């Protein structure tokens, strides 16, 4: 009898957990849609959303070109050669 009660209790906890997870994702989607609609101007509200990065965290950072001197390439070459010698 006690085992049956624990099994039933465990099943109830699992169902509540699954319902809570589903509600979490549904409410997060509704909140994101509401936030996106409030942030967009009236004429742009119907546009397709951007990438997942831009919709979650704002605009993605743009990569900046790196400027390297000739000596840095030589140093990089020596480091890579030492790794290759260590592996071979």
C-alpha atoms as a PDB file:
ATOM      1  CA  UNK A   1       0.000   0.000   0.000  1.00  0.00           C
ATOM      2  CA  UNK A   2       2.777   2.414   0.954  1.00  0.00           C
ATOM      3  CA  UNK A   3       4.655   1.569  -2.267  1.00  0.00           C
ATOM      4  CA  UNK A   4       1.540   2.330  -4.340  1.00  0.00           C
ATOM      5  CA  UNK A   5       1.169   5.710  -2.629  1.00  0.00           C
ATOM      6  CA  UNK A   6       4.791   6.628  -3.338  1.00  0.00           C
ATOM      7  CA  UNK A   7       4.441   5.566  -6.977  1.00  0.00           C
ATOM      8  CA  UNK A   8       1.338   7.716  -7.389  1.00  0.00           C
ATOM      9  CA  UNK A   9       3.052  10.653  -5.707  1.00  0.00           C
ATOM     10  CA  UNK A  10       6.067  10.295  -8.011  1.00  0.00           C
ATOM     11  CA  UNK A  11       3.801  10.244 -11.071  1.00  0.00           C
ATOM     12  CA  UNK A  12       2.080  13.430  -9.892  1.00  0.00           C
ATOM     13  CA  UNK A  13       5.438  15.157  -9.362  1.00  0.00           C
ATOM     14  CA  UNK A  14       6.607  14.140 -12.855  1.00  0.00           C
ATOM     15  CA  UNK A  15       3.417  15.466 -14.459  1.00  0.00           C
ATOM     16  CA  UNK A  16       3.708  18.774 -12.578  1.00  0.00           C
ATOM     17  CA  UNK A  17       7.338  19.051 -13.646  1.00  0.00           C
ATOM     18  CA  UNK A  18       6.477  18.494 -17.325  1.00  0.00           C
ATOM     19  CA  UNK A  19       3.617  20.996 -17.191  1.00  0.00           C
ATOM     20  CA  UNK A  20       5.912  23.543 -15.545  1.00  0.00           C
ATOM     21  CA  UNK A  21       8.581  23.081 -18.227  1.00  0.00           C
ATOM     22  CA  UNK A  22       6.018  23.514 -21.008  1.00  0.00           C
ATOM     23  CA  UNK A  23       4.589  26.624 -19.331  1.00  0.00           C
ATOM     24  CA  UNK A  24       8.110  28.062 -18.966  1.00  0.00           C
ATOM     25  CA  UNK A  25       8.817  27.816 -22.692  1.00  0.00           C
ATOM     26  CA  UNK A  26       5.380  29.098 -23.701  1.00  0.00           C
ATOM     27  CA  UNK A  27       5.626  32.101 -21.382  1.00  0.00           C
ATOM     28  CA  UNK A  28       9.200  32.854 -22.496  1.00  0.00           C
ATOM     29  CA  UNK A  29       8.030  32.896 -26.119  1.00  0.00           C
ATOM     30  CA  UNK A  30       5.132  35.199 -25.298  1.00  0.00           C
ATOM     31  CA  UNK A  31       7.403  37.552 -23.361  1.00  0.00           C
ATOM     32  CA  UNK A  32       9.893  37.698 -26.228  1.00  0.00           C
ATOM     33  CA  UNK A  33       7.109  38.467 -28.729  1.00  0.00           C
ATOM     34  CA  UNK A  34       5.724  41.198 -26.476  1.00  0.00           C
ATOM     35  CA  UNK A  35       9.170  42.723 -25.974  1.00  0.00           C
ATOM     36  CA  UNK A  36       9.908  42.603 -29.706  1.00  0.00           C
ATOM     37  CA  UNK A  37       6.575  44.248 -30.558  1.00  0.00           C
ATOM     38  CA  UNK A  38       7.114  46.998 -27.985  1.00  0.00           C
ATOM     39  CA  UNK A  39      10.669  47.735 -29.198  1.00  0.00           C
ATOM     40  CA  UNK A  40       9.863  47.813 -32.929  1.00  0.00           C
ATOM     41  CA  UNK A  41       8.320  50.889 -34.558  1.00  0.00           C
ATOM     42  CA  UNK A  42       4.734  50.488 -35.728  1.00  0.00           C
ATOM     43  CA  UNK A  43       5.672  49.925 -39.388  1.00  0.00           C
ATOM     44  CA  UNK A  44       8.293  47.275 -38.604  1.00  0.00           C
ATOM     45  CA  UNK A  45       6.309  45.082 -36.216  1.00  0.00           C
ATOM     46  CA  UNK A  46       5.410  42.564 -38.945  1.00  0.00           C
ATOM     47  CA  UNK A  47       8.945  41.924 -40.142  1.00  0.00           C
ATOM     48  CA  UNK A  48      10.597  38.556 -39.689  1.00  0.00           C
ATOM     49  CA  UNK A  49      12.815  38.259 -36.616  1.00  0.00           C
ATOM     50  CA  UNK A  50      16.596  38.200 -36.895  1.00  0.00           C
ATOM     51  CA  UNK A  51      18.917  35.436 -35.828  1.00  0.00           C
ATOM     52  CA  UNK A  52      18.641  33.805 -32.448  1.00  0.00           C
ATOM     53  CA  UNK A  53      21.642  35.823 -31.221  1.00  0.00           C
ATOM     54  CA  UNK A  54      20.068  39.161 -32.120  1.00  0.00           C
ATOM     55  CA  UNK A  55      16.663  38.237 -30.744  1.00  0.00           C
ATOM     56  CA  UNK A  56      18.090  37.040 -27.412  1.00  0.00           C
ATOM     57  CA  UNK A  57      21.021  39.362 -26.739  1.00  0.00           C
ATOM     58  CA  UNK A  58      20.672  42.351 -29.056  1.00  0.00           C
ATOM     59  CA  UNK A  59      22.872  43.070 -32.034  1.00  0.00           C
ATOM     60  CA  UNK A  60      25.730  40.638 -32.603  1.00  0.00           C
ATOM     61  CA  UNK A  61      29.183  42.176 -32.227  1.00  0.00           C
ATOM     62  CA  UNK A  62      30.888  42.891 -35.533  1.00  0.00           C
ATOM     63  CA  UNK A  63      34.345  41.344 -35.951  1.00  0.00           C
ATOM     64  CA  UNK A  64      37.176  43.835 -36.229  1.00  0.00           C
ATOM     65  CA  UNK A  65      40.171  43.238 -38.503  1.00  0.00           C
ATOM     66  CA  UNK A  66      43.413  42.531 -36.674  1.00  0.00           C
ATOM     67  CA  UNK A  67      46.593  44.311 -37.721  1.00  0.00           C
ATOM     68  CA  UNK A  68      49.748  42.217 -37.300  1.00  0.00           C
ATOM     69  CA  UNK A  69      53.382  43.129 -37.863  1.00  0.00           C
ATOM     70  CA  UNK A  70      55.762  40.892 -39.808  1.00  0.00           C
ATOM     71  CA  UNK A  71      57.581  39.899 -36.615  1.00  0.00           C
ATOM     72  CA  UNK A  72      54.359  38.525 -35.136  1.00  0.00           C
ATOM     73  CA  UNK A  73      53.909  36.184 -38.078  1.00  0.00           C
ATOM     74  CA  UNK A  74      57.444  34.892 -37.574  1.00  0.00           C
ATOM     75  CA  UNK A  75      56.751  34.253 -33.902  1.00  0.00           C
ATOM     76  CA  UNK A  76      53.515  32.451 -34.765  1.00  0.00           C
ATOM     77  CA  UNK A  77      55.363  30.335 -37.319  1.00  0.00           C
ATOM     78  CA  UNK A  78      57.966  29.308 -34.697  1.00  0.00           C
ATOM     79  CA  UNK A  79      55.262  28.361 -32.213  1.00  0.00           C
ATOM     80  CA  UNK A  80      53.361  26.286 -34.752  1.00  0.00           C
ATOM     81  CA  UNK A  81      56.575  24.573 -35.903  1.00  0.00           C
ATOM     82  CA  UNK A  82      57.420  23.665 -32.299  1.00  0.00           C
ATOM     83  CA  UNK A  83      53.965  22.100 -31.873  1.00  0.00           C
ATOM     84  CA  UNK A  84      54.398  20.138 -35.085  1.00  0.00           C
ATOM     85  CA  UNK A  85      57.829  18.849 -33.948  1.00  0.00           C
ATOM     86  CA  UNK A  86      56.340  17.845 -30.603  1.00  0.00           C
ATOM     87  CA  UNK A  87      53.583  15.852 -32.308  1.00  0.00           C
ATOM     88  CA  UNK A  88      55.870  14.193 -34.864  1.00  0.00           C
END
